[in-house]
Amino acid sequence: MNAERFEEWLQYILPSLRENVVIILNNAPYHSPKLNKPPTPNNRKAKLQQWLVTHNIPYEDDMVNAELLALIKQNVTSPAKYAVDEIIKASNRKVLRLLPYHCELNSIQLIRAQVKGYVARHNTSFKLEDVMQLLQQNVNNILSENWKDAMKYVINVENKMWELDNLIGCQVESLVITNDGSTTLYKVKYVSCLLHGFLNNLTTVKNKTMSSINFTLPLLLSSCVLENSVLLLTYEASGVVWWIFIDGYRPQ
């Protein structure tokens, strides 16, 4: 499958769909060619100049690639649009794109698994003609109930993701960190749900690597329990990796 063939098929199938229906797309390459996509540093100088000419933007012939790219960046007023999205919108239908690498939010994956499973179980000859016949048989047997069940499953998965997102994004007003006998109050806007889970049992935090740091949107990289009930957290904050040792950790 490529973008040209997918767009051709899309133009064929759109008239059979009701208006205002929502078409769910993942981010496969053939779903994602962009219209008027600005050049990148990987493009040749001639391509950069062509883009500027097309958009009626003056430039000097002796400009190097870096200067041309800077000029292009200054004149990109809006992000490039997906060609497929514009085709769907022009037909008075709506498009919803899934998050990258989240195929579990696409109900068609469950239907596809049913069809593939049926073909695999009943394929005895391994001939292409027979496989195509089995495929058509099972596609015809997919009912609206199968789609409803798949949609219910996806909605449950999405709800669980929202719950986890609320936990991970929980807001903690302050955290007292003890370092070599001195106590410093750190404002922590977002912490991981793991840290939130044992905050009530927190006794002393001994920082072995730093005397002060402003934790802004920390990202928990890993955690492990060391000897003597010491929890080691590995965080990334402001492009730097920090290790935090917490004494007296008691698992919930």
Protein backbone atom coordinates (compact mmCIF):
# COMPACT_ATOMS: atom_id res chain seq x y z
CA MET A 1 0.00 0.00 0.00
CA ASN A 2 1.18 3.50 -0.79
CA ALA A 3 -0.33 6.97 -0.45
CA GLU A 4 -1.52 7.18 -4.06
CA ARG A 5 -3.39 3.85 -3.95
CA PHE A 6 -4.87 4.61 -0.53
CA GLU A 7 -6.19 7.99 -1.67
CA GLU A 8 -7.66 6.34 -4.76
CA TRP A 9 -9.43 3.75 -2.61
CA LEU A 10 -10.58 6.47 -0.20
CA GLN A 11 -12.16 8.47 -3.02
CA TYR A 12 -13.97 5.30 -4.11
CA ILE A 13 -15.31 4.41 -0.64
CA LEU A 14 -16.31 7.88 0.64
CA PRO A 15 -19.61 8.13 -1.32
CA SER A 16 -20.86 4.97 0.40
CA LEU A 17 -20.42 6.53 3.87
CA ARG A 18 -22.99 8.77 5.54
CA GLU A 19 -22.14 12.42 5.92
CA ASN A 20 -20.68 13.57 9.26
CA VAL A 21 -19.37 10.08 10.08
CA VAL A 22 -16.01 9.96 11.87
CA ILE A 23 -13.20 8.15 10.07
CA ILE A 24 -10.48 6.94 12.42
CA LEU A 25 -6.95 6.83 11.02
CA ASN A 26 -3.66 5.71 12.44
CA ASN A 27 -0.40 7.37 11.42
CA ALA A 28 0.74 4.91 8.76
CA PRO A 29 2.99 6.59 6.15
CA TYR A 30 0.37 6.16 3.40
CA HIS A 31 -2.16 8.00 5.62
CA SER A 32 0.19 10.88 6.31
CA PRO A 33 1.56 12.64 3.20
CA LYS A 34 1.38 16.40 3.79
CA LEU A 35 0.27 19.21 1.52
CA ASN A 36 2.74 22.05 0.91
CA LYS A 37 5.18 20.51 3.33
CA PRO A 38 8.08 22.93 3.86
CA PRO A 39 11.58 21.68 2.98
CA THR A 40 13.89 20.23 5.59
CA PRO A 41 17.68 20.44 6.06
CA ASN A 42 17.91 17.14 4.14
CA ASN A 43 16.63 18.77 0.94
CA ARG A 44 18.92 20.16 -1.74
CA LYS A 45 19.38 23.88 -2.23
CA ALA A 46 17.33 23.83 -5.44
CA LYS A 47 14.34 22.44 -3.51
CA LEU A 48 14.64 25.21 -0.91
CA GLN A 49 14.77 27.86 -3.60
CA GLN A 50 11.81 26.30 -5.42
CA TRP A 51 9.68 26.45 -2.27
CA LEU A 52 10.52 30.14 -1.82
CA VAL A 53 9.67 30.92 -5.46
CA THR A 54 6.36 29.03 -5.18
CA HIS A 55 5.39 31.12 -2.15
CA ASN A 56 6.56 34.41 -3.71
CA ILE A 57 9.26 34.95 -1.11
CA PRO A 58 12.32 36.89 -2.35
CA TYR A 59 15.81 35.59 -1.58
CA GLU A 60 19.39 36.29 -2.65
CA ASP A 61 21.13 33.91 -5.03
CA ASP A 62 24.23 33.77 -2.84
CA MET A 63 22.31 32.59 0.24
CA VAL A 64 23.54 29.29 1.71
CA ASN A 65 21.23 26.49 2.81
CA ALA A 66 21.13 27.60 6.44
CA GLU A 67 20.00 31.08 5.42
CA LEU A 68 17.37 29.71 3.04
CA LEU A 69 16.02 27.40 5.76
CA ALA A 70 15.85 30.29 8.23
CA LEU A 71 13.92 32.31 5.65
CA ILE A 72 11.53 29.41 5.07
CA LYS A 73 10.98 29.00 8.78
CA GLN A 74 10.09 32.67 9.14
CA ASN A 75 7.43 32.36 6.45
CA VAL A 76 5.74 29.12 7.50
CA THR A 77 2.54 30.54 8.94
CA SER A 78 0.69 27.30 9.69
CA PRO A 79 1.55 23.60 10.00
CA ALA A 80 1.27 21.49 6.87
CA LYS A 81 -2.05 19.67 6.45
CA TYR A 82 -2.52 15.99 5.73
CA ALA A 83 -3.71 15.32 2.19
CA VAL A 84 -5.98 12.48 3.36
CA ASP A 85 -7.59 14.69 6.03
CA GLU A 86 -8.43 17.33 3.44
CA ILE A 87 -10.02 14.74 1.14
CA ILE A 88 -12.21 13.50 3.99
CA LYS A 89 -13.20 16.99 5.15
CA ALA A 90 -14.08 18.02 1.59
CA SER A 91 -16.60 15.16 1.49
CA ASN A 92 -18.33 16.48 4.65
CA ARG A 93 -16.96 13.70 6.82
CA LYS A 94 -14.78 13.99 9.90
CA VAL A 95 -11.38 12.50 10.62
CA LEU A 96 -9.89 11.46 13.95
CA ARG A 97 -6.22 10.50 14.11
CA LEU A 98 -4.96 8.13 16.76
CA LEU A 99 -1.97 8.87 18.94
CA PRO A 100 1.27 7.51 17.45
CA TYR A 101 2.03 3.91 18.48
CA HIS A 102 -1.39 3.37 20.10
CA CYS A 103 -2.98 0.76 17.86
CA GLU A 104 -4.92 -0.52 20.89
CA LEU A 105 -7.18 2.51 20.47
CA ASN A 106 -8.22 1.37 16.99
CA SER A 107 -11.16 -1.03 17.04
CA ILE A 108 -10.38 -2.29 13.54
CA GLN A 109 -7.35 -4.05 14.97
CA LEU A 110 -9.68 -6.35 16.92
CA ILE A 111 -11.78 -7.07 13.82
CA ARG A 112 -8.65 -7.71 11.80
CA ALA A 113 -7.45 -10.16 14.43
CA GLN A 114 -10.77 -12.05 14.21
CA VAL A 115 -10.52 -12.28 10.42
CA LYS A 116 -6.87 -13.35 10.43
CA GLY A 117 -7.56 -15.93 13.14
CA TYR A 118 -10.43 -17.41 11.13
CA VAL A 119 -8.28 -17.67 7.99
CA ALA A 120 -5.39 -19.23 9.93
CA ARG A 121 -7.63 -21.86 11.54
CA HIS A 122 -9.36 -22.88 8.30
CA ASN A 123 -6.48 -22.57 5.86
CA THR A 124 -5.55 -26.13 4.91
CA SER A 125 -4.42 -25.81 1.29
CA PHE A 126 -2.22 -22.68 1.65
CA LYS A 127 -3.26 -21.60 -1.85
CA LEU A 128 -3.87 -17.94 -2.52
CA GLU A 129 -7.26 -18.59 -4.11
CA ASP A 130 -8.46 -20.50 -1.05
CA VAL A 131 -7.10 -17.88 1.33
CA MET A 132 -8.96 -15.14 -0.56
CA GLN A 133 -12.16 -17.18 -0.38
CA LEU A 134 -11.77 -17.71 3.39
CA LEU A 135 -11.07 -14.00 3.81
CA GLN A 136 -14.23 -13.00 1.97
CA GLN A 137 -16.31 -15.53 3.90
CA ASN A 138 -15.25 -14.19 7.26
CA VAL A 139 -15.51 -10.53 6.30
CA ASN A 140 -19.12 -11.20 5.32
CA ASN A 141 -19.69 -12.80 8.74
CA ILE A 142 -18.53 -9.76 10.71
CA LEU A 143 -21.70 -8.29 12.20
CA SER A 144 -22.52 -4.96 13.80
CA GLU A 145 -22.38 -6.73 17.20
CA ASN A 146 -18.72 -7.55 16.58
CA TRP A 147 -17.99 -3.87 15.92
CA LYS A 148 -19.96 -2.81 19.01
CA ASP A 149 -17.95 -5.21 21.18
CA ALA A 150 -14.71 -3.92 19.69
CA MET A 151 -15.73 -0.32 20.34
CA LYS A 152 -16.67 -1.13 23.96
CA TYR A 153 -13.26 -2.70 24.48
CA VAL A 154 -11.46 0.35 23.03
CA ILE A 155 -13.53 2.72 25.19
CA ASN A 156 -12.52 0.73 28.29
CA VAL A 157 -8.86 0.92 27.27
CA GLU A 158 -9.17 4.68 26.75
CA ASN A 159 -10.82 5.15 30.15
CA LYS A 160 -7.98 3.23 31.83
CA MET A 161 -5.47 5.48 30.06
CA TRP A 162 -7.28 8.57 31.39
CA GLU A 163 -7.15 7.12 34.91
CA LEU A 164 -3.40 6.48 34.64
CA ASP A 165 -2.87 9.94 33.18
CA ASN A 166 -4.65 11.49 36.16
CA LEU A 167 -2.44 9.50 38.54
CA ILE A 168 0.80 10.35 36.78
CA GLY A 169 -0.20 13.99 36.51
CA CYS A 170 -1.17 14.31 40.15
CA GLN A 171 -0.05 17.61 41.67
CA VAL A 172 2.01 17.68 44.82
CA GLU A 173 2.46 21.08 46.43
CA SER A 174 5.74 20.48 48.17
CA LEU A 175 8.27 17.87 49.20
CA VAL A 176 10.78 18.22 52.04
CA ILE A 177 14.23 16.93 51.12
CA THR A 178 16.92 16.54 53.80
CA ASN A 179 20.49 16.89 52.57
CA ASP A 180 23.42 16.76 55.00
CA GLY A 181 21.33 18.10 57.86
CA SER A 182 19.77 21.00 55.95
CA THR A 183 16.13 21.04 54.93
CA THR A 184 15.04 22.54 51.63
CA LEU A 185 11.52 22.88 50.29
CA TYR A 186 11.17 21.95 46.65
CA LYS A 187 8.17 22.75 44.52
CA VAL A 188 7.22 19.69 42.51
CA LYS A 189 4.48 20.28 39.97
CA TYR A 190 4.22 16.78 38.57
CA VAL A 191 5.51 13.55 40.01
CA SER A 192 5.02 9.97 38.98
CA CYS A 193 2.21 7.92 40.44
CA LEU A 194 4.88 5.71 42.04
CA LEU A 195 6.25 8.60 44.09
CA HIS A 196 2.72 9.76 44.92
CA GLY A 197 1.85 6.28 46.20
CA PHE A 198 4.35 6.27 49.07
CA LEU A 199 4.53 10.00 49.87
CA ASN A 200 2.59 9.47 53.10
CA ASN A 201 5.23 7.03 54.36
CA LEU A 202 8.15 9.22 53.37
CA THR A 203 10.52 9.85 56.28
CA THR A 204 13.84 11.16 54.97
CA VAL A 205 15.14 11.85 51.50
CA LYS A 206 18.90 11.81 51.26
CA ASN A 207 20.29 13.26 48.06
CA LYS A 208 23.73 11.89 47.35
CA THR A 209 24.52 13.92 44.24
CA MET A 210 23.34 17.51 44.59
CA SER A 211 22.82 20.33 47.05
CA SER A 212 19.98 22.09 45.21
CA ILE A 213 17.80 21.58 42.17
CA ASN A 214 14.49 22.95 40.96
CA PHE A 215 12.41 19.98 39.84
CA THR A 216 10.35 21.15 36.87
CA LEU A 217 8.30 18.41 35.22
CA PRO A 218 10.54 15.53 36.37
CA LEU A 219 10.43 12.29 34.39
CA LEU A 220 10.83 9.04 36.28
CA LEU A 221 13.23 6.82 34.35
CA SER A 222 13.47 3.85 36.72
CA SER A 223 13.09 2.75 40.32
CA CYS A 224 14.44 -0.09 42.42
CA VAL A 225 14.52 -1.07 46.10
CA LEU A 226 18.02 -1.35 47.57
CA GLU A 227 19.06 -2.94 50.85
CA ASN A 228 17.79 -1.61 54.19
CA SER A 229 14.50 -0.30 52.74
CA VAL A 230 16.16 2.34 50.58
CA LEU A 231 14.35 3.25 47.38
CA LEU A 232 16.42 4.53 44.48
CA LEU A 233 14.63 6.77 41.96
CA THR A 234 16.28 7.80 38.72
CA TYR A 235 14.86 11.05 37.34
CA GLU A 236 15.52 13.19 34.31
CA ALA A 237 15.03 16.90 34.91
CA SER A 238 16.16 19.78 32.70
CA GLY A 239 18.25 17.42 30.60
CA VAL A 240 20.20 16.07 33.62
CA VAL A 241 19.84 12.65 35.26
CA TRP A 242 19.53 12.68 39.06
CA TRP A 243 19.52 9.88 41.61
CA ILE A 244 17.38 10.21 44.75
CA PHE A 245 17.73 7.84 47.70
CA ILE A 246 14.74 7.53 50.01
CA ASP A 247 15.19 5.91 53.45
CA GLY A 248 12.42 4.09 55.23
CA TYR A 249 10.46 3.10 52.13
CA ARG A 250 7.63 0.68 52.90
CA PRO A 251 5.77 -0.83 49.91
CA GLN A 252 1.99 -0.41 50.05
